[in-house]
N, C-alpha and C. Protein backbone atom coordinates (compact mmCIF):
# COMPACT_ATOMS: atom_id res chain seq x y z
N MET A 1 46.51 112.41 122.88
CA MET A 1 45.92 113.17 124.03
C MET A 1 45.79 112.06 124.83
N LYS A 2 46.17 112.42 126.54
CA LYS A 2 45.87 111.31 127.28
C LYS A 2 44.63 111.73 128.16
N ILE A 3 43.76 110.66 128.20
CA ILE A 3 42.36 110.85 128.88
C ILE A 3 42.45 110.00 129.92
N LEU A 4 41.90 110.57 130.98
CA LEU A 4 41.80 109.53 132.18
C LEU A 4 40.25 109.59 132.57
N TYR A 5 39.66 108.48 132.72
CA TYR A 5 38.17 108.50 133.14
C TYR A 5 38.09 108.00 134.65
N ILE A 6 37.62 108.56 135.41
CA ILE A 6 37.70 108.27 136.94
C ILE A 6 35.85 107.76 137.01
N LEU A 7 35.71 106.65 137.39
CA LEU A 7 34.35 105.93 137.26
C LEU A 7 34.44 105.79 138.85
N ARG A 8 32.95 105.82 139.31
CA ARG A 8 32.72 105.72 140.45
C ARG A 8 31.72 104.42 140.89
N GLN A 9 31.11 103.81 139.77
CA GLN A 9 30.28 102.64 139.75
C GLN A 9 31.03 101.74 138.89
N LYS A 10 30.86 100.32 139.30
CA LYS A 10 31.44 99.19 138.49
C LYS A 10 30.83 99.03 137.09
N ASN A 11 29.45 99.32 136.90
CA ASN A 11 28.84 99.13 135.84
C ASN A 11 28.53 100.49 135.36
N THR A 12 28.64 100.86 134.08
CA THR A 12 28.70 102.04 133.44
C THR A 12 27.50 101.90 132.51
N ASP A 13 26.81 103.13 132.33
CA ASP A 13 25.63 102.94 131.34
C ASP A 13 26.11 103.01 129.71
N ASP A 14 25.28 103.03 129.02
CA ASP A 14 25.59 102.83 127.31
C ASP A 14 26.30 103.98 127.01
N THR A 15 25.84 105.32 127.62
CA THR A 15 26.57 106.57 127.33
C THR A 15 28.00 106.76 127.48
N VAL A 16 28.25 106.44 128.76
CA VAL A 16 29.74 106.41 129.16
C VAL A 16 30.53 105.48 128.15
N THR A 17 29.98 104.16 128.15
CA THR A 17 30.64 103.29 127.27
C THR A 17 30.98 103.81 125.90
N LYS A 18 30.11 104.24 125.41
CA LYS A 18 30.17 104.77 123.97
C LYS A 18 31.18 106.00 123.87
N LEU A 19 31.10 106.73 124.91
CA LEU A 19 32.14 108.06 124.79
C LEU A 19 33.80 107.29 125.00
N ILE A 20 33.65 106.32 125.94
CA ILE A 20 35.23 106.11 126.21
C ILE A 20 35.64 105.21 124.87
N GLU A 21 34.69 104.42 124.15
CA GLU A 21 35.18 103.78 122.85
C GLU A 21 35.58 104.80 122.01
N GLU A 22 34.70 106.07 121.77
CA GLU A 22 35.16 107.00 120.75
C GLU A 22 36.37 107.46 121.07
N HIS A 23 36.72 107.93 122.42
CA HIS A 23 38.05 108.39 122.85
C HIS A 23 39.23 107.54 122.56
N LYS A 24 38.92 106.04 122.84
CA LYS A 24 39.90 105.16 122.61
C LYS A 24 40.42 105.24 120.96
N LYS A 25 39.65 105.62 120.11
CA LYS A 25 39.94 105.61 118.77
C LYS A 25 41.05 106.41 118.50
N THR A 26 41.08 107.51 118.99
CA THR A 26 42.14 108.56 118.81
C THR A 26 42.99 109.16 119.87
N ASN A 27 42.78 108.58 120.85
CA ASN A 27 43.59 108.87 122.14
C ASN A 27 43.83 107.66 123.11
N GLN A 28 45.07 108.14 124.01
CA GLN A 28 45.31 107.23 124.98
C GLN A 28 44.35 107.25 126.31
N VAL A 29 43.73 106.30 126.34
CA VAL A 29 42.56 106.25 127.26
C VAL A 29 42.80 105.44 128.51
N THR A 30 42.99 105.70 129.81
CA THR A 30 43.12 105.24 131.04
C THR A 30 41.70 105.24 131.85
N ILE A 31 41.22 104.21 132.41
CA ILE A 31 40.11 104.01 133.14
C ILE A 31 40.52 103.47 134.66
N ILE A 32 39.80 104.31 135.48
CA ILE A 32 40.11 103.89 136.85
C ILE A 32 38.83 103.84 137.72
N ASN A 33 38.47 102.78 138.31
CA ASN A 33 37.23 102.78 139.50
C ASN A 33 37.62 103.12 140.62
N ILE A 34 37.33 104.11 140.92
CA ILE A 34 37.56 104.75 142.41
C ILE A 34 37.20 104.12 143.66
N ASN A 35 36.21 103.26 143.32
CA ASN A 35 35.71 102.34 144.52
C ASN A 35 36.58 101.20 144.59
N GLU A 36 37.16 100.65 143.67
CA GLU A 36 37.98 99.42 143.57
C GLU A 36 39.60 99.80 143.70
N ASN A 37 39.89 100.87 143.23
CA ASN A 37 41.32 101.26 143.30
C ASN A 37 41.55 102.27 144.42
N LYS A 38 41.97 101.91 145.59
CA LYS A 38 42.14 103.17 146.56
C LYS A 38 43.62 103.55 146.66
N ASN A 39 44.42 103.29 145.68
CA ASN A 39 45.80 103.70 145.78
C ASN A 39 45.91 105.27 145.24
N TYR A 40 45.63 106.00 146.09
CA TYR A 40 45.39 107.63 145.84
C TYR A 40 46.80 108.05 145.41
N ASP A 41 48.01 107.72 145.52
CA ASP A 41 49.08 108.27 144.87
C ASP A 41 49.46 107.70 143.44
N GLU A 42 48.74 106.62 143.19
CA GLU A 42 48.80 106.46 141.73
C GLU A 42 47.57 107.19 141.10
N ILE A 43 46.59 107.34 141.51
CA ILE A 43 45.54 108.10 140.98
C ILE A 43 45.77 109.65 140.74
N VAL A 44 46.51 110.21 141.73
CA VAL A 44 47.05 111.51 141.63
C VAL A 44 48.14 111.80 140.53
N ASP A 45 48.91 110.67 140.58
CA ASP A 45 49.90 110.72 139.35
C ASP A 45 49.36 110.61 138.01
N LEU A 46 48.34 110.01 137.95
CA LEU A 46 47.59 109.78 136.63
C LEU A 46 46.84 111.00 136.22
N ILE A 47 46.28 111.59 137.40
CA ILE A 47 45.60 112.84 137.42
C ILE A 47 46.63 114.31 136.32
N ARG A 48 47.82 113.99 137.05
CA ARG A 48 48.90 115.02 136.92
C ARG A 48 49.27 114.56 135.21
N SER A 49 49.54 113.68 135.05
CA SER A 49 50.15 113.06 133.72
C SER A 49 48.97 113.23 132.63
N SER A 50 47.81 113.18 132.85
CA SER A 50 46.64 113.19 131.79
C SER A 50 46.51 114.64 131.45
N ASP A 51 46.32 114.77 130.02
CA ASP A 51 45.71 116.09 129.44
C ASP A 51 44.24 116.45 129.74
N LYS A 52 43.50 115.29 129.78
CA LYS A 52 42.02 115.67 130.45
C LYS A 52 41.29 114.53 131.22
N VAL A 53 40.87 114.75 132.43
CA VAL A 53 40.43 114.03 133.18
C VAL A 53 38.61 114.10 133.10
N ILE A 54 37.97 112.91 133.18
CA ILE A 54 36.40 112.87 133.03
C ILE A 54 36.02 112.25 134.19
N SER A 55 35.12 112.56 135.14
CA SER A 55 34.90 111.87 136.17
C SER A 55 33.18 111.61 136.14
N TRP A 56 32.87 110.15 136.20
CA TRP A 56 31.52 109.79 136.21
C TRP A 56 31.03 109.03 137.43
């Protein structure tokens, strides 16, 4: 499964970090920081190609 995490903050808390690490064990995980990456075409393409999108 392809999972996309969209983060709004540079530093994530422990809960988010643990969830991402668990998902990485069995899934293909991509992480984007929306404040650093302003390439919206790329972000939309990643959303379309992902099975699951999680926003924090």
